[in-house]
Amino acid sequence: MSLASERSARWAAVDIPDQRGRTAVVTGANSGIGFETARALAERGATVVLACRSVDRGNDAAERILAGMPDAALVVVRLDLSSLASIREAAEELRAAHARLDLLINNAGVMWTPRSRTVDGFELQFGTNHLGHFALTGLVLDRMLRAPGSRVVTVSSLGHRTGRMDFDDLQSERRYGRHSAYGRSKLANLMFTYELQRRLAAAGAETIAVAAHPGGANTDLARNSPALLRGLNSLFGGMVTQSAAMGALPTLRAATDPAVEGGEYYGPSGAFETGGPPKLVRSSARSHDAAAQQRLWTESERLTGVTFPV
């Protein structure tokens, strides 16, 4: 079935199946795409873990959801993806509280930051967007393997198309460009998804790995962009970008649509994939380089010290 003929029907939040009895972990759930993803899943009955760097902001997000849904089942867990120690603590908290996890939404991220390092010395965007989620996934995956129909959904970006995987300089030590570093981290998200799916399939696991991107969504992710661009966005952003709720739809479809298969990638259906209802889309040729995927996996294990049960 072709991309053009399949998954092209308009899909919206009302199409999310009943999620009662399921537990979903959403990283970066306190704002933007993550908040809208958490809210929509809670609305369909899921128990949602809001995994946020700031517990206060996580609690505030939970209160905003509860204001409209007093019966929502929400839990806030502190997770700083720029710290392997924090990731391990969060994973242990999740493992202690949940015998099974149905959804892991690897959503949180940073974009276009000035040159900076994580607590563990990784380039901030690569370390947070890719290595942090790689480590978290590996540390909780055994809880997902116990859950029929479980999914790991990792949020990439249109920016992955600018990414290059330079294995001789993954941490951008020789040369740093905030845009190129972001593109590399988003390319890594897709390569991780495809390699994880390959391993899950080889192990005969029911869990699948899927990716999504929000297109152009009006969130605060671009707060590190140049001042002129921030000013233009504040004036005209609403005209050229879609809402965070619309931007969350590709993630929600990847996470809940029964027709989704492992290794697929979802994004907006509009012009240049910047907006519109979600559909199955294609990622760059570089993202499908199997040898590079496997090399990235090996490097990620080495850098994080985390190995997977598949």
Protein backbone atom coordinates (compact mmCIF):
# COMPACT_ATOMS: atom_id res chain seq x y z
CA MET A 1 0.00 0.00 0.00
CA SER A 2 1.54 3.32 -1.05
CA LEU A 3 2.19 6.34 1.13
CA ALA A 4 -0.12 8.33 -1.10
CA SER A 5 -3.10 6.00 -0.73
CA GLU A 6 -2.53 4.88 2.86
CA ARG A 7 -2.82 6.92 6.05
CA SER A 8 -3.91 9.99 4.06
CA ALA A 9 -7.35 10.32 5.66
CA ARG A 10 -7.79 13.24 8.02
CA TRP A 11 -6.90 12.13 11.53
CA ALA A 12 -7.62 14.19 14.65
CA ALA A 13 -7.58 13.88 18.43
CA VAL A 14 -11.11 12.45 18.36
CA ASP A 15 -9.65 9.41 16.59
CA ILE A 16 -7.45 8.46 19.57
CA PRO A 17 -8.70 5.07 20.81
CA ASP A 18 -9.67 4.48 24.44
CA GLN A 19 -6.48 4.48 26.51
CA ARG A 20 -7.95 3.29 29.81
CA GLY A 21 -5.70 0.77 31.55
CA ARG A 22 -2.61 2.06 29.76
CA THR A 23 0.31 4.00 31.22
CA ALA A 24 2.12 6.62 29.15
CA VAL A 25 5.36 8.44 29.98
CA VAL A 26 5.75 11.79 28.21
CA THR A 27 9.05 13.62 28.53
CA GLY A 28 8.90 17.41 28.50
CA ALA A 29 5.18 17.28 29.28
CA ASN A 30 5.04 20.65 31.00
CA SER A 31 4.71 22.74 27.82
CA GLY A 32 4.17 22.79 24.07
CA ILE A 33 3.87 19.52 22.16
CA GLY A 34 4.54 17.46 25.28
CA PHE A 35 1.79 19.13 27.27
CA GLU A 36 -0.75 18.68 24.48
CA THR A 37 0.29 15.04 24.06
CA ALA A 38 -0.11 14.38 27.78
CA ARG A 39 -3.45 16.18 27.91
CA ALA A 40 -4.89 14.25 24.96
CA LEU A 41 -3.78 10.88 26.34
CA ALA A 42 -5.20 11.71 29.76
CA GLU A 43 -8.46 12.74 28.13
CA ARG A 44 -8.70 9.25 26.61
CA GLY A 45 -8.20 7.62 30.01
CA ALA A 46 -4.46 6.85 30.14
CA THR A 47 -2.45 7.19 33.30
CA VAL A 48 0.08 9.80 32.22
CA VAL A 49 3.50 10.34 33.76
CA LEU A 50 4.67 13.90 33.16
CA ALA A 51 8.45 13.54 33.12
CA CYS A 52 9.81 17.07 33.47
CA ARG A 53 13.09 18.73 34.38
CA SER A 54 11.25 21.00 36.84
CA VAL A 55 8.83 19.34 39.24
CA ASP A 56 7.19 22.70 39.87
CA ARG A 57 6.46 23.20 36.17
CA GLY A 58 5.34 19.59 35.93
CA ASN A 59 2.91 20.11 38.81
CA ASP A 60 1.64 23.29 37.19
CA ALA A 61 1.00 21.38 33.95
CA ALA A 62 -0.81 18.66 35.88
CA GLU A 63 -3.01 21.27 37.55
CA ARG A 64 -3.88 22.78 34.16
CA ILE A 65 -4.94 19.37 32.87
CA LEU A 66 -6.89 18.60 36.05
CA ALA A 67 -8.74 21.91 35.80
CA GLY A 68 -10.47 20.57 32.71
CA MET A 69 -10.40 16.88 33.67
CA PRO A 70 -10.69 16.45 37.46
CA ASP A 71 -10.54 12.65 37.14
CA ALA A 72 -7.35 12.56 35.06
CA ALA A 73 -4.71 10.11 36.34
CA LEU A 74 -1.45 12.07 36.40
CA VAL A 75 1.95 11.57 37.98
CA VAL A 76 4.89 13.98 37.91
CA VAL A 77 8.45 12.61 37.82
CA ARG A 78 11.60 14.70 37.79
CA LEU A 79 13.69 14.00 34.69
CA ASP A 80 16.65 16.06 33.54
CA LEU A 81 17.73 14.55 30.21
CA SER A 82 21.03 16.43 30.38
CA SER A 83 22.09 14.34 33.40
CA LEU A 84 22.63 10.58 33.29
CA ALA A 85 22.27 10.47 37.08
CA SER A 86 18.85 12.12 36.85
CA ILE A 87 17.82 9.76 34.06
CA ARG A 88 18.78 6.75 36.17
CA GLU A 89 16.87 8.12 39.15
CA ALA A 90 13.77 8.75 37.05
CA ALA A 91 14.00 5.29 35.49
CA GLU A 92 14.23 3.68 38.92
CA GLU A 93 11.20 5.66 40.07
CA LEU A 94 9.26 4.53 37.02
CA ARG A 95 10.32 0.91 37.42
CA ALA A 96 9.38 0.90 41.10
CA ALA A 97 5.93 2.35 40.45
CA HIS A 98 4.97 0.51 37.25
CA ALA A 99 5.26 -3.19 36.47
CA ARG A 100 4.47 -2.32 32.85
CA LEU A 101 4.63 0.76 30.65
CA ASP A 102 2.57 1.01 27.47
CA LEU A 103 3.87 4.22 25.90
CA LEU A 104 7.14 6.08 26.13
CA ILE A 105 6.93 9.41 24.31
CA ASN A 106 10.46 10.76 23.89
CA ASN A 107 9.37 14.34 23.31
CA ALA A 108 11.54 16.73 25.34
CA GLY A 109 14.30 18.62 23.64
CA VAL A 110 16.36 21.76 23.24
CA MET A 111 16.95 23.65 20.00
CA TRP A 112 19.61 26.01 18.66
CA THR A 113 21.33 26.49 22.00
CA PRO A 114 24.64 28.33 22.32
CA ARG A 115 27.64 26.01 22.71
CA SER A 116 27.13 24.22 25.99
CA ARG A 117 27.68 20.86 27.68
CA THR A 118 25.51 18.50 29.67
CA VAL A 119 26.42 17.49 33.21
CA ASP A 120 28.26 14.52 31.72
CA GLY A 121 30.20 16.58 29.19
CA PHE A 122 28.15 15.88 26.04
CA GLU A 123 27.27 18.59 23.53
CA LEU A 124 23.98 19.86 24.94
CA GLN A 125 21.64 19.25 21.99
CA PHE A 126 23.03 15.84 21.07
CA GLY A 127 23.28 14.86 24.73
CA THR A 128 19.76 15.94 25.64
CA ASN A 129 17.79 15.18 22.50
CA HIS A 130 19.41 11.85 21.63
CA LEU A 131 21.64 10.42 24.35
CA GLY A 132 19.24 11.30 27.16
CA HIS A 133 16.32 9.59 25.46
CA PHE A 134 18.49 6.66 24.39
CA ALA A 135 19.48 6.08 28.02
CA LEU A 136 15.94 6.48 29.37
CA THR A 137 14.51 4.08 26.81
CA GLY A 138 17.13 1.44 27.55
CA LEU A 139 16.55 1.68 31.29
CA VAL A 140 12.76 1.19 31.14
CA LEU A 141 12.37 -0.95 28.02
CA ASP A 142 11.99 -4.19 29.97
CA ARG A 143 8.80 -2.75 31.49
CA MET A 144 7.49 -2.13 27.98
CA LEU A 145 8.33 -5.60 26.68
CA ARG A 146 5.78 -6.91 29.20
CA ALA A 147 2.99 -4.74 27.75
CA PRO A 148 1.24 -5.98 24.59
CA GLY A 149 0.94 -3.20 22.05
CA SER A 150 3.51 -0.98 23.72
CA ARG A 151 5.30 1.69 21.71
CA VAL A 152 8.37 3.89 21.94
CA VAL A 153 7.62 7.13 20.08
CA THR A 154 10.53 9.49 19.52
CA VAL A 155 9.91 13.02 18.30
CA SER A 156 12.24 14.19 15.55
CA SER A 157 12.01 17.32 13.40
CA LEU A 158 12.09 18.60 9.85
CA GLY A 159 15.52 19.80 10.95
CA HIS A 160 16.83 16.23 10.72
CA ARG A 161 17.25 16.81 6.98
CA THR A 162 20.12 19.20 7.66
CA GLY A 163 21.82 16.75 10.01
CA ARG A 164 25.12 14.99 9.35
CA MET A 165 26.40 12.19 11.57
CA ASP A 166 30.11 12.97 11.96
CA PHE A 167 31.38 10.09 14.09
CA ASP A 168 34.78 11.74 14.38
CA ASP A 169 33.19 14.77 16.06
CA LEU A 170 29.84 13.75 17.57
CA GLN A 171 30.25 16.29 20.37
CA SER A 172 31.01 19.18 17.98
CA GLU A 173 34.36 19.81 19.66
CA ARG A 174 36.17 20.84 16.50
CA ARG A 175 33.42 23.06 15.16
CA TYR A 176 30.10 24.05 16.67
CA GLY A 177 27.08 25.43 14.84
CA ARG A 178 23.84 25.58 16.78
CA HIS A 179 21.74 24.69 13.73
CA SER A 180 23.96 21.83 12.56
CA ALA A 181 24.15 20.41 16.08
CA TYR A 182 20.36 20.46 16.34
CA GLY A 183 20.01 18.77 12.94
CA ARG A 184 22.43 16.05 14.03
CA SER A 185 20.47 15.39 17.23
CA LYS A 186 17.20 15.10 15.30
CA LEU A 187 18.79 12.82 12.72
CA ALA A 188 20.00 10.70 15.62
CA ASN A 189 16.41 10.44 16.92
CA LEU A 190 15.36 8.79 13.65
CA MET A 191 18.40 6.54 13.36
CA PHE A 192 17.80 5.40 16.94
CA THR A 193 14.15 4.63 16.15
CA TYR A 194 14.97 2.56 13.08
CA GLU A 195 17.74 0.59 14.79
CA LEU A 196 15.58 0.01 17.88
CA GLN A 197 12.76 -1.29 15.68
CA ARG A 198 15.19 -3.64 13.93
CA ARG A 199 16.29 -5.05 17.29
CA LEU A 200 12.76 -5.35 18.65
CA ALA A 201 11.64 -7.22 15.53
CA ALA A 202 14.65 -9.54 15.67
CA ALA A 203 13.80 -10.36 19.29
CA GLY A 204 10.18 -11.10 18.39
CA ALA A 205 8.98 -8.36 20.73
CA GLU A 206 5.47 -6.93 20.52
CA THR A 207 6.82 -3.49 21.38
CA ILE A 208 7.40 -1.25 18.36
CA ALA A 209 9.47 1.89 17.80
CA VAL A 210 7.94 4.77 15.83
CA ALA A 211 8.94 8.37 15.10
CA ALA A 212 7.04 11.60 14.50
CA HIS A 213 7.64 15.27 13.86
CA PRO A 214 5.35 18.26 14.58
CA GLY A 215 6.07 20.37 11.50
CA GLY A 216 6.01 24.07 12.28
CA ALA A 217 4.37 24.39 15.69
CA ASN A 218 4.06 27.60 17.68
CA THR A 219 5.88 26.66 20.90
CA ASP A 220 8.71 28.12 22.98
CA LEU A 221 11.26 25.64 21.61
CA ALA A 222 12.80 28.37 19.45
CA ARG A 223 13.58 30.58 22.45
CA ASN A 224 17.29 30.33 21.61
CA SER A 225 16.84 31.64 18.08
CA PRO A 226 18.27 35.07 17.15
CA ALA A 227 16.41 38.08 18.59
CA LEU A 228 15.17 39.21 15.17
CA LEU A 229 13.65 35.78 14.46
CA ARG A 230 12.04 35.68 17.91
CA GLY A 231 10.52 39.09 17.27
CA LEU A 232 9.14 38.08 13.89
CA ASN A 233 7.75 34.90 15.39
CA SER A 234 5.94 36.81 18.12
CA LEU A 235 4.34 39.06 15.50
CA PHE A 236 3.59 36.59 12.71
CA GLY A 237 4.13 33.12 14.18
CA GLY A 238 0.44 32.39 14.41
CA MET A 239 0.05 33.04 10.69
CA VAL A 240 2.74 30.62 9.51
CA THR A 241 2.81 27.96 12.23
CA GLN A 242 0.16 25.68 13.65
CA SER A 243 -0.87 25.37 17.27
CA ALA A 244 0.91 23.08 19.72
CA ALA A 245 -2.25 20.96 19.83
CA MET A 246 -2.05 20.42 16.06
CA GLY A 247 1.69 19.85 16.30
CA ALA A 248 1.07 17.05 18.80
CA LEU A 249 -1.16 15.09 16.42
CA PRO A 250 1.65 13.23 14.56
CA THR A 251 3.00 12.07 17.94
CA LEU A 252 -0.47 11.03 19.08
CA ARG A 253 -1.15 9.15 15.86
CA ALA A 254 2.20 7.35 16.08
CA ALA A 255 1.38 6.43 19.67
CA THR A 256 -2.22 5.30 19.33
CA ASP A 257 -3.40 4.58 15.78
CA PRO A 258 -3.94 0.78 15.56
CA ALA A 259 -2.74 0.83 11.94
CA VAL A 260 0.74 2.11 12.83
CA GLU A 261 3.64 -0.28 12.24
CA GLY A 262 7.13 -0.34 13.70
CA GLY A 263 9.71 1.84 12.01
CA GLU A 264 7.17 4.30 10.60
CA TYR A 265 7.45 8.09 10.71
CA TYR A 266 4.52 10.50 11.00
CA GLY A 267 4.29 14.22 10.26
CA PRO A 268 1.87 16.89 9.03
CA SER A 269 0.18 16.35 5.68
CA GLY A 270 0.27 19.97 4.49
CA ALA A 271 2.71 21.71 2.17
CA PHE A 272 6.34 20.88 3.04
CA GLU A 273 5.03 18.95 6.09
CA THR A 274 4.77 22.17 8.10
CA GLY A 275 1.13 21.83 9.11
CA GLY A 276 -2.09 19.90 8.75
CA PRO A 277 -3.44 16.54 9.92
CA PRO A 278 -0.84 13.82 10.48
CA LYS A 279 0.07 11.20 7.91
CA LEU A 280 2.80 8.68 7.18
CA VAL A 281 5.85 10.55 5.81
CA ARG A 282 9.38 9.80 4.66
CA SER A 283 12.62 10.76 6.35
CA SER A 284 15.96 11.55 4.70
CA ALA A 285 18.12 8.96 2.99
CA ARG A 286 20.81 9.53 5.62
CA SER A 287 18.43 8.44 8.36
CA HIS A 288 18.09 5.02 6.67
CA ASP A 289 21.83 4.24 6.57
CA ALA A 290 21.82 0.93 8.46
CA ALA A 291 25.57 0.88 9.06
CA ALA A 292 25.44 4.39 10.52
CA GLN A 293 22.47 3.44 12.69
CA GLN A 294 24.38 0.53 14.15
CA ARG A 295 27.49 2.65 14.70
CA LEU A 296 25.44 5.34 16.44
CA TRP A 297 23.89 2.67 18.67
CA THR A 298 27.31 1.34 19.67
CA GLU A 299 28.60 4.84 20.39
CA SER A 300 25.48 5.69 22.37
CA GLU A 301 25.91 2.59 24.54
CA ARG A 302 29.53 3.50 25.14
CA LEU A 303 28.82 7.12 26.01
CA THR A 304 25.83 6.45 28.29
CA GLY A 305 26.83 3.11 29.78
CA VAL A 306 23.29 1.87 29.04
CA THR A 307 22.63 -1.40 27.21
CA PHE A 308 19.25 -2.66 26.01
CA PRO A 309 17.45 -5.95 26.72
CA VAL A 310 17.01 -6.51 22.97
